[in-house]
């Protein structure tokens, strides 16, 4: 069961854009974006969700959240997120990665390329990059 993950709808681009905009606007969290579909990506989402839960505080919830973007092409095509996706692609040497992390100021801090292993330790390190200014 995913507790810290927002799964963006693939069949409603407007709603997906609205939800992503709201997630990014939450300045109190480090946000990990995960891209794609399939069993391997689902495993990454589950690992990331577990890592996000490690910052749970008694007051105020978590400092980390995960957003699963199953249809990145549709969101990138809206234009609203063109710069964000360009920044993510730049960190990943041009290709859309499997995961990217935004810090508290919505800056892309690090990515995990699609050809890299995304185990829990690698995802924890990615989250830690998001805690940097």
N, C-alpha and C. Protein backbone atom coordinates (compact mmCIF):
# COMPACT_ATOMS: atom_id res chain seq x y z
N UNK A 1 0.84 -1.18 0.00
CA UNK A 1 0.00 0.00 0.00
C UNK A 1 0.89 1.25 0.00
N UNK A 2 0.64 2.12 -0.92
CA UNK A 2 1.42 3.36 -1.04
C UNK A 2 0.80 4.42 -0.13
N UNK A 3 1.60 4.98 0.76
CA UNK A 3 1.09 5.96 1.71
C UNK A 3 1.60 7.38 1.45
N UNK A 4 2.70 7.48 0.73
CA UNK A 4 3.33 8.78 0.52
C UNK A 4 3.47 9.09 -0.96
N UNK A 5 2.67 8.42 -1.78
CA UNK A 5 2.80 8.53 -3.22
C UNK A 5 1.50 9.02 -3.85
N UNK A 6 1.64 10.02 -4.70
CA UNK A 6 0.55 10.50 -5.51
C UNK A 6 0.72 9.90 -6.90
N UNK A 7 -0.28 9.14 -7.36
CA UNK A 7 -0.24 8.55 -8.69
C UNK A 7 -1.06 9.45 -9.61
N UNK A 8 -0.38 10.07 -10.58
CA UNK A 8 -1.08 10.97 -11.49
C UNK A 8 -1.90 10.16 -12.49
N UNK A 9 -3.13 10.60 -12.75
CA UNK A 9 -3.96 9.86 -13.71
C UNK A 9 -3.41 10.00 -15.13
N UNK A 10 -3.36 8.88 -15.85
CA UNK A 10 -2.86 8.89 -17.22
C UNK A 10 -3.94 9.28 -18.21
N UNK A 11 -5.20 9.20 -17.82
CA UNK A 11 -6.30 9.44 -18.74
C UNK A 11 -6.90 10.84 -18.65
N UNK A 12 -6.36 11.69 -17.77
CA UNK A 12 -6.87 13.05 -17.61
C UNK A 12 -5.68 14.00 -17.42
N UNK A 13 -5.19 14.56 -18.51
CA UNK A 13 -4.00 15.40 -18.48
C UNK A 13 -4.23 16.66 -17.64
N UNK A 14 -5.41 17.24 -17.74
CA UNK A 14 -5.68 18.46 -16.96
C UNK A 14 -5.63 18.19 -15.47
N UNK A 15 -6.23 17.09 -15.04
CA UNK A 15 -6.19 16.73 -13.62
C UNK A 15 -4.77 16.39 -13.20
N UNK A 16 -4.06 15.65 -14.02
CA UNK A 16 -2.67 15.30 -13.72
C UNK A 16 -1.83 16.56 -13.57
N UNK A 17 -2.01 17.52 -14.46
CA UNK A 17 -1.26 18.77 -14.38
C UNK A 17 -1.61 19.53 -13.10
N UNK A 18 -2.88 19.58 -12.78
CA UNK A 18 -3.32 20.26 -11.55
C UNK A 18 -2.69 19.60 -10.31
N UNK A 19 -2.71 18.27 -10.26
CA UNK A 19 -2.16 17.56 -9.10
C UNK A 19 -0.65 17.73 -9.00
N UNK A 20 0.03 17.69 -10.15
CA UNK A 20 1.48 17.90 -10.13
C UNK A 20 1.81 19.32 -9.70
N UNK A 21 1.08 20.29 -10.20
CA UNK A 21 1.29 21.69 -9.80
C UNK A 21 1.13 21.84 -8.29
N UNK A 22 0.10 21.21 -7.71
CA UNK A 22 -0.14 21.30 -6.28
C UNK A 22 0.98 20.60 -5.49
N UNK A 23 1.45 19.47 -5.98
CA UNK A 23 2.54 18.75 -5.30
C UNK A 23 3.82 19.58 -5.31
N UNK A 24 4.12 20.20 -6.42
CA UNK A 24 5.33 21.03 -6.52
C UNK A 24 5.20 22.27 -5.64
N UNK A 25 4.00 22.81 -5.54
CA UNK A 25 3.78 24.02 -4.75
C UNK A 25 3.93 23.78 -3.25
N UNK A 26 3.86 22.52 -2.81
CA UNK A 26 4.04 22.20 -1.40
C UNK A 26 5.51 22.39 -1.05
N UNK A 27 5.84 23.53 -0.47
CA UNK A 27 7.24 23.88 -0.21
C UNK A 27 7.84 23.19 1.00
N UNK A 28 7.05 22.41 1.69
CA UNK A 28 7.54 21.77 2.91
C UNK A 28 8.08 20.37 2.68
N UNK A 29 8.21 19.94 1.42
CA UNK A 29 8.63 18.57 1.16
C UNK A 29 9.71 18.50 0.07
N UNK A 30 10.48 17.43 0.16
CA UNK A 30 11.37 17.02 -0.92
C UNK A 30 10.52 16.09 -1.78
N UNK A 31 10.47 16.36 -3.07
CA UNK A 31 9.58 15.64 -3.96
C UNK A 31 10.37 14.75 -4.92
N UNK A 32 10.07 13.46 -4.91
CA UNK A 32 10.68 12.55 -5.87
C UNK A 32 9.66 12.25 -6.96
N UNK A 33 10.06 12.49 -8.19
CA UNK A 33 9.21 12.18 -9.34
C UNK A 33 9.71 10.88 -9.96
N UNK A 34 8.79 9.96 -10.19
CA UNK A 34 9.14 8.69 -10.81
C UNK A 34 8.36 8.58 -12.11
N UNK A 35 9.06 8.20 -13.18
CA UNK A 35 8.49 8.19 -14.52
C UNK A 35 8.38 6.79 -15.08
N UNK A 36 7.25 6.49 -15.72
CA UNK A 36 7.11 5.23 -16.44
C UNK A 36 6.07 4.30 -15.86
N UNK A 37 6.00 3.12 -16.47
CA UNK A 37 5.05 2.09 -16.06
C UNK A 37 5.75 0.73 -16.08
N UNK A 38 5.05 -0.25 -15.60
CA UNK A 38 5.56 -1.62 -15.63
C UNK A 38 6.00 -2.10 -14.27
N UNK A 39 6.28 -3.38 -14.16
CA UNK A 39 6.64 -3.98 -12.87
C UNK A 39 7.91 -3.40 -12.26
N UNK A 40 8.92 -3.13 -13.07
CA UNK A 40 10.17 -2.58 -12.53
C UNK A 40 9.94 -1.18 -11.95
N UNK A 41 9.15 -0.37 -12.64
CA UNK A 41 8.86 0.98 -12.14
C UNK A 41 7.98 0.91 -10.89
N UNK A 42 7.03 -0.01 -10.87
CA UNK A 42 6.20 -0.19 -9.68
C UNK A 42 7.08 -0.53 -8.47
N UNK A 43 8.07 -1.38 -8.66
CA UNK A 43 8.98 -1.72 -7.56
C UNK A 43 9.74 -0.49 -7.08
N UNK A 44 10.15 0.36 -8.00
CA UNK A 44 10.85 1.60 -7.63
C UNK A 44 9.92 2.52 -6.84
N UNK A 45 8.66 2.62 -7.29
CA UNK A 45 7.68 3.44 -6.58
C UNK A 45 7.49 2.92 -5.16
N UNK A 46 7.38 1.61 -5.01
CA UNK A 46 7.19 1.04 -3.67
C UNK A 46 8.41 1.30 -2.78
N UNK A 47 9.61 1.14 -3.33
CA UNK A 47 10.82 1.44 -2.57
C UNK A 47 10.85 2.92 -2.17
N UNK A 48 10.55 3.80 -3.12
CA UNK A 48 10.57 5.24 -2.84
C UNK A 48 9.54 5.61 -1.79
N UNK A 49 8.36 5.02 -1.87
CA UNK A 49 7.30 5.28 -0.90
C UNK A 49 7.77 4.89 0.50
N UNK A 50 8.43 3.76 0.62
CA UNK A 50 8.96 3.33 1.91
C UNK A 50 10.03 4.29 2.42
N UNK A 51 10.91 4.76 1.53
CA UNK A 51 11.96 5.70 1.92
C UNK A 51 11.33 7.04 2.35
N UNK A 52 10.28 7.45 1.69
CA UNK A 52 9.61 8.70 2.05
C UNK A 52 9.04 8.62 3.46
N UNK A 53 8.59 7.46 3.85
CA UNK A 53 7.98 7.27 5.15
C UNK A 53 8.99 7.37 6.28
N UNK A 54 10.27 7.30 5.99
CA UNK A 54 11.31 7.32 7.03
C UNK A 54 11.48 8.69 7.67
N UNK A 55 10.84 9.71 7.14
CA UNK A 55 10.95 11.05 7.72
C UNK A 55 9.68 11.46 8.45
N UNK A 56 8.79 10.51 8.71
CA UNK A 56 7.53 10.84 9.37
C UNK A 56 7.81 11.46 10.73
N UNK A 57 7.14 12.58 10.97
CA UNK A 57 7.27 13.26 12.26
C UNK A 57 5.91 13.25 12.95
N UNK A 58 5.91 13.37 14.26
CA UNK A 58 4.64 13.38 15.00
C UNK A 58 3.77 14.56 14.58
N UNK A 59 4.40 15.67 14.30
CA UNK A 59 3.67 16.87 13.91
C UNK A 59 4.07 17.24 12.48
N UNK A 60 3.11 17.42 11.64
CA UNK A 60 3.40 17.93 10.30
C UNK A 60 3.60 16.90 9.22
N UNK A 61 3.58 15.62 9.53
CA UNK A 61 3.69 14.60 8.49
C UNK A 61 5.12 14.37 8.03
N UNK A 62 5.28 14.05 6.75
CA UNK A 62 6.57 13.72 6.17
C UNK A 62 7.25 14.91 5.53
N UNK A 63 8.57 14.82 5.44
CA UNK A 63 9.34 15.82 4.71
C UNK A 63 9.55 15.39 3.27
N UNK A 64 9.11 14.18 2.93
CA UNK A 64 9.31 13.63 1.59
C UNK A 64 8.00 13.12 1.03
N UNK A 65 7.87 13.27 -0.29
CA UNK A 65 6.72 12.73 -1.01
C UNK A 65 7.18 12.20 -2.35
N UNK A 66 6.37 11.32 -2.91
CA UNK A 66 6.64 10.70 -4.21
C UNK A 66 5.48 11.02 -5.14
N UNK A 67 5.79 11.35 -6.38
CA UNK A 67 4.76 11.51 -7.42
C UNK A 67 5.12 10.55 -8.54
N UNK A 68 4.18 9.67 -8.88
CA UNK A 68 4.37 8.70 -9.94
C UNK A 68 3.71 9.24 -11.20
N UNK A 69 4.52 9.53 -12.21
CA UNK A 69 4.05 10.09 -13.47
C UNK A 69 4.11 8.98 -14.52
N UNK A 70 2.96 8.42 -14.83
CA UNK A 70 2.92 7.29 -15.77
C UNK A 70 2.92 7.76 -17.22
N UNK A 71 2.49 8.99 -17.49
CA UNK A 71 2.47 9.52 -18.86
C UNK A 71 3.17 10.88 -18.89
N UNK A 72 4.48 10.84 -18.87
CA UNK A 72 5.26 12.08 -18.84
C UNK A 72 5.13 12.87 -20.13
N UNK A 73 4.96 12.19 -21.26
CA UNK A 73 4.85 12.89 -22.55
C UNK A 73 3.65 13.84 -22.56
N UNK A 74 2.54 13.40 -22.01
CA UNK A 74 1.34 14.23 -21.98
C UNK A 74 1.56 15.47 -21.14
N UNK A 75 2.18 15.31 -19.97
CA UNK A 75 2.44 16.47 -19.10
C UNK A 75 3.46 17.42 -19.71
N UNK A 76 4.48 16.85 -20.31
CA UNK A 76 5.52 17.68 -20.94
C UNK A 76 4.92 18.48 -22.09
N UNK A 77 3.94 17.90 -22.76
CA UNK A 77 3.28 18.57 -23.88
C UNK A 77 2.38 19.72 -23.48
N UNK A 78 2.02 19.81 -22.20
CA UNK A 78 1.15 20.91 -21.77
C UNK A 78 1.86 22.26 -21.83
N UNK A 79 3.17 22.25 -21.81
CA UNK A 79 3.93 23.50 -21.84
C UNK A 79 4.20 24.05 -20.47
N UNK A 80 3.27 23.84 -19.55
CA UNK A 80 3.42 24.36 -18.19
C UNK A 80 4.65 23.77 -17.50
N UNK A 81 4.95 22.52 -17.80
CA UNK A 81 6.06 21.83 -17.15
C UNK A 81 7.25 21.65 -18.07
N UNK A 82 7.24 22.36 -19.18
CA UNK A 82 8.33 22.21 -20.17
C UNK A 82 9.69 22.51 -19.55
N UNK A 83 9.80 23.58 -18.77
CA UNK A 83 11.09 23.93 -18.15
C UNK A 83 11.51 22.89 -17.12
N UNK A 84 10.56 22.41 -16.32
CA UNK A 84 10.87 21.38 -15.34
C UNK A 84 11.41 20.13 -16.03
N UNK A 85 10.73 19.69 -17.08
CA UNK A 85 11.18 18.50 -17.79
C UNK A 85 12.51 18.75 -18.49
N UNK A 86 12.72 19.95 -18.97
CA UNK A 86 14.01 20.28 -19.60
C UNK A 86 15.13 20.20 -18.56
N UNK A 87 14.88 20.70 -17.35
CA UNK A 87 15.88 20.62 -16.28
C UNK A 87 16.16 19.17 -15.89
N UNK A 88 15.11 18.37 -15.83
CA UNK A 88 15.26 16.96 -15.50
C UNK A 88 16.06 16.25 -16.58
N UNK A 89 15.71 16.50 -17.84
CA UNK A 89 16.43 15.88 -18.96
C UNK A 89 17.90 16.32 -18.98
N UNK A 90 18.17 17.56 -18.64
CA UNK A 90 19.55 18.05 -18.62
C UNK A 90 20.37 17.30 -17.57
N UNK A 91 19.78 17.04 -16.41
CA UNK A 91 20.49 16.28 -15.37
C UNK A 91 20.72 14.83 -15.80
N UNK A 92 19.84 14.33 -16.69
CA UNK A 92 19.93 12.93 -17.12
C UNK A 92 20.57 12.80 -18.50
N UNK A 93 21.27 13.82 -18.94
CA UNK A 93 21.96 13.82 -20.24
C UNK A 93 21.00 13.62 -21.41
N UNK A 94 19.84 14.24 -21.34
CA UNK A 94 18.92 14.27 -22.47
C UNK A 94 17.74 13.33 -22.42
N UNK A 95 17.87 12.20 -21.78
CA UNK A 95 16.78 11.23 -21.71
C UNK A 95 15.98 11.44 -20.42
N UNK A 96 14.72 11.09 -20.46
CA UNK A 96 13.92 11.16 -19.24
C UNK A 96 14.37 10.04 -18.31
N UNK A 97 14.72 10.35 -17.08
CA UNK A 97 15.20 9.33 -16.15
C UNK A 97 14.05 8.53 -15.56
N UNK A 98 14.38 7.54 -14.77
CA UNK A 98 13.36 6.80 -14.05
C UNK A 98 12.91 7.58 -12.81
N UNK A 99 13.80 8.40 -12.24
CA UNK A 99 13.46 9.17 -11.05
C UNK A 99 14.27 10.46 -11.00
N UNK A 100 13.63 11.48 -10.45
CA UNK A 100 14.29 12.78 -10.23
C UNK A 100 13.81 13.31 -8.89
N UNK A 101 14.66 14.09 -8.24
CA UNK A 101 14.27 14.65 -6.95
C UNK A 101 14.38 16.17 -7.01
N UNK A 102 13.35 16.82 -6.44
CA UNK A 102 13.32 18.28 -6.32
C UNK A 102 13.53 18.63 -4.85
N UNK A 103 14.33 19.67 -4.61
CA UNK A 103 14.55 20.08 -3.23
C UNK A 103 13.38 20.94 -2.74
N UNK A 104 13.53 21.51 -1.57
CA UNK A 104 12.47 22.33 -0.98
C UNK A 104 12.15 23.57 -1.82
N UNK A 105 13.07 23.96 -2.69
CA UNK A 105 12.88 25.13 -3.54
C UNK A 105 12.53 24.74 -4.98
N UNK A 106 12.11 23.50 -5.18
CA UNK A 106 11.67 22.98 -6.48
C UNK A 106 12.76 22.96 -7.53
N UNK A 107 14.00 22.87 -7.10
CA UNK A 107 15.13 22.76 -8.02
C UNK A 107 15.45 21.28 -8.21
N UNK A 108 15.69 20.88 -9.46
CA UNK A 108 16.07 19.48 -9.73
C UNK A 108 17.49 19.28 -9.21
N UNK A 109 17.62 18.37 -8.25
CA UNK A 109 18.92 18.16 -7.60
C UNK A 109 19.67 16.96 -8.15
N UNK A 110 18.96 15.90 -8.48
CA UNK A 110 19.63 14.67 -8.94
C UNK A 110 18.61 13.77 -9.62
N UNK A 111 19.12 12.83 -10.39
CA UNK A 111 18.27 11.87 -11.11
C UNK A 111 18.88 10.48 -11.01
N UNK A 112 18.05 9.49 -11.30
CA UNK A 112 18.51 8.12 -11.52
C UNK A 112 18.12 7.79 -12.95
N UNK A 113 19.12 7.58 -13.80
CA UNK A 113 18.86 7.28 -15.21
C UNK A 113 18.18 5.92 -15.34
N UNK A 114 17.50 5.73 -16.47
CA UNK A 114 16.77 4.48 -16.68
C UNK A 114 17.68 3.26 -16.72
N UNK A 115 18.93 3.45 -17.04
CA UNK A 115 19.85 2.31 -17.11
C UNK A 115 20.59 2.07 -15.79
N UNK A 116 20.25 2.82 -14.75
CA UNK A 116 20.89 2.65 -13.44
C UNK A 116 20.00 1.85 -12.51
N UNK A 117 20.62 1.16 -11.59
CA UNK A 117 19.89 0.41 -10.58
C UNK A 117 19.21 1.39 -9.63
N UNK A 118 17.95 1.13 -9.32
CA UNK A 118 17.20 2.00 -8.40
C UNK A 118 16.75 1.18 -7.20
N UNK A 119 17.69 0.78 -6.37
CA UNK A 119 17.37 0.02 -5.17
C UNK A 119 17.09 0.99 -4.02
N UNK A 120 16.65 0.49 -2.87
CA UNK A 120 16.32 1.39 -1.76
C UNK A 120 17.47 2.31 -1.34
N UNK A 121 18.69 1.83 -1.37
CA UNK A 121 19.83 2.66 -0.97
C UNK A 121 20.02 3.80 -1.97
N UNK A 122 19.94 3.50 -3.24
CA UNK A 122 20.09 4.53 -4.27
C UNK A 122 18.96 5.56 -4.15
N UNK A 123 17.75 5.11 -3.85
CA UNK A 123 16.62 6.04 -3.68
C UNK A 123 16.79 6.89 -2.43
N UNK A 124 17.33 6.32 -1.37
CA UNK A 124 17.61 7.11 -0.16
C UNK A 124 18.64 8.19 -0.46
N UNK A 125 19.67 7.83 -1.19
CA UNK A 125 20.69 8.82 -1.57
C UNK A 125 20.08 9.91 -2.44
N UNK A 126 19.16 9.53 -3.32
CA UNK A 126 18.48 10.53 -4.15
C UNK A 126 17.67 11.48 -3.28
N UNK A 127 16.93 10.94 -2.33
CA UNK A 127 16.17 11.80 -1.40
C UNK A 127 17.11 12.73 -0.64
N UNK A 128 18.25 12.22 -0.20
CA UNK A 128 19.20 13.06 0.53
C UNK A 128 19.70 14.22 -0.31
N UNK A 129 19.87 14.01 -1.61
CA UNK A 129 20.25 15.11 -2.50
C UNK A 129 19.17 16.19 -2.48
N UNK A 130 17.94 15.79 -2.34
CA UNK A 130 16.84 16.75 -2.28
C UNK A 130 16.82 17.60 -1.03
N UNK A 131 17.51 17.17 -0.01
CA UNK A 131 17.57 17.95 1.23
C UNK A 131 18.62 19.05 1.17
N UNK A 132 19.41 19.06 0.10
CA UNK A 132 20.42 20.10 -0.08
C UNK A 132 19.78 21.36 -0.66
N UNK A 133 20.38 22.51 -0.38
CA UNK A 133 19.85 23.77 -0.92
C UNK A 133 20.39 24.09 -2.26
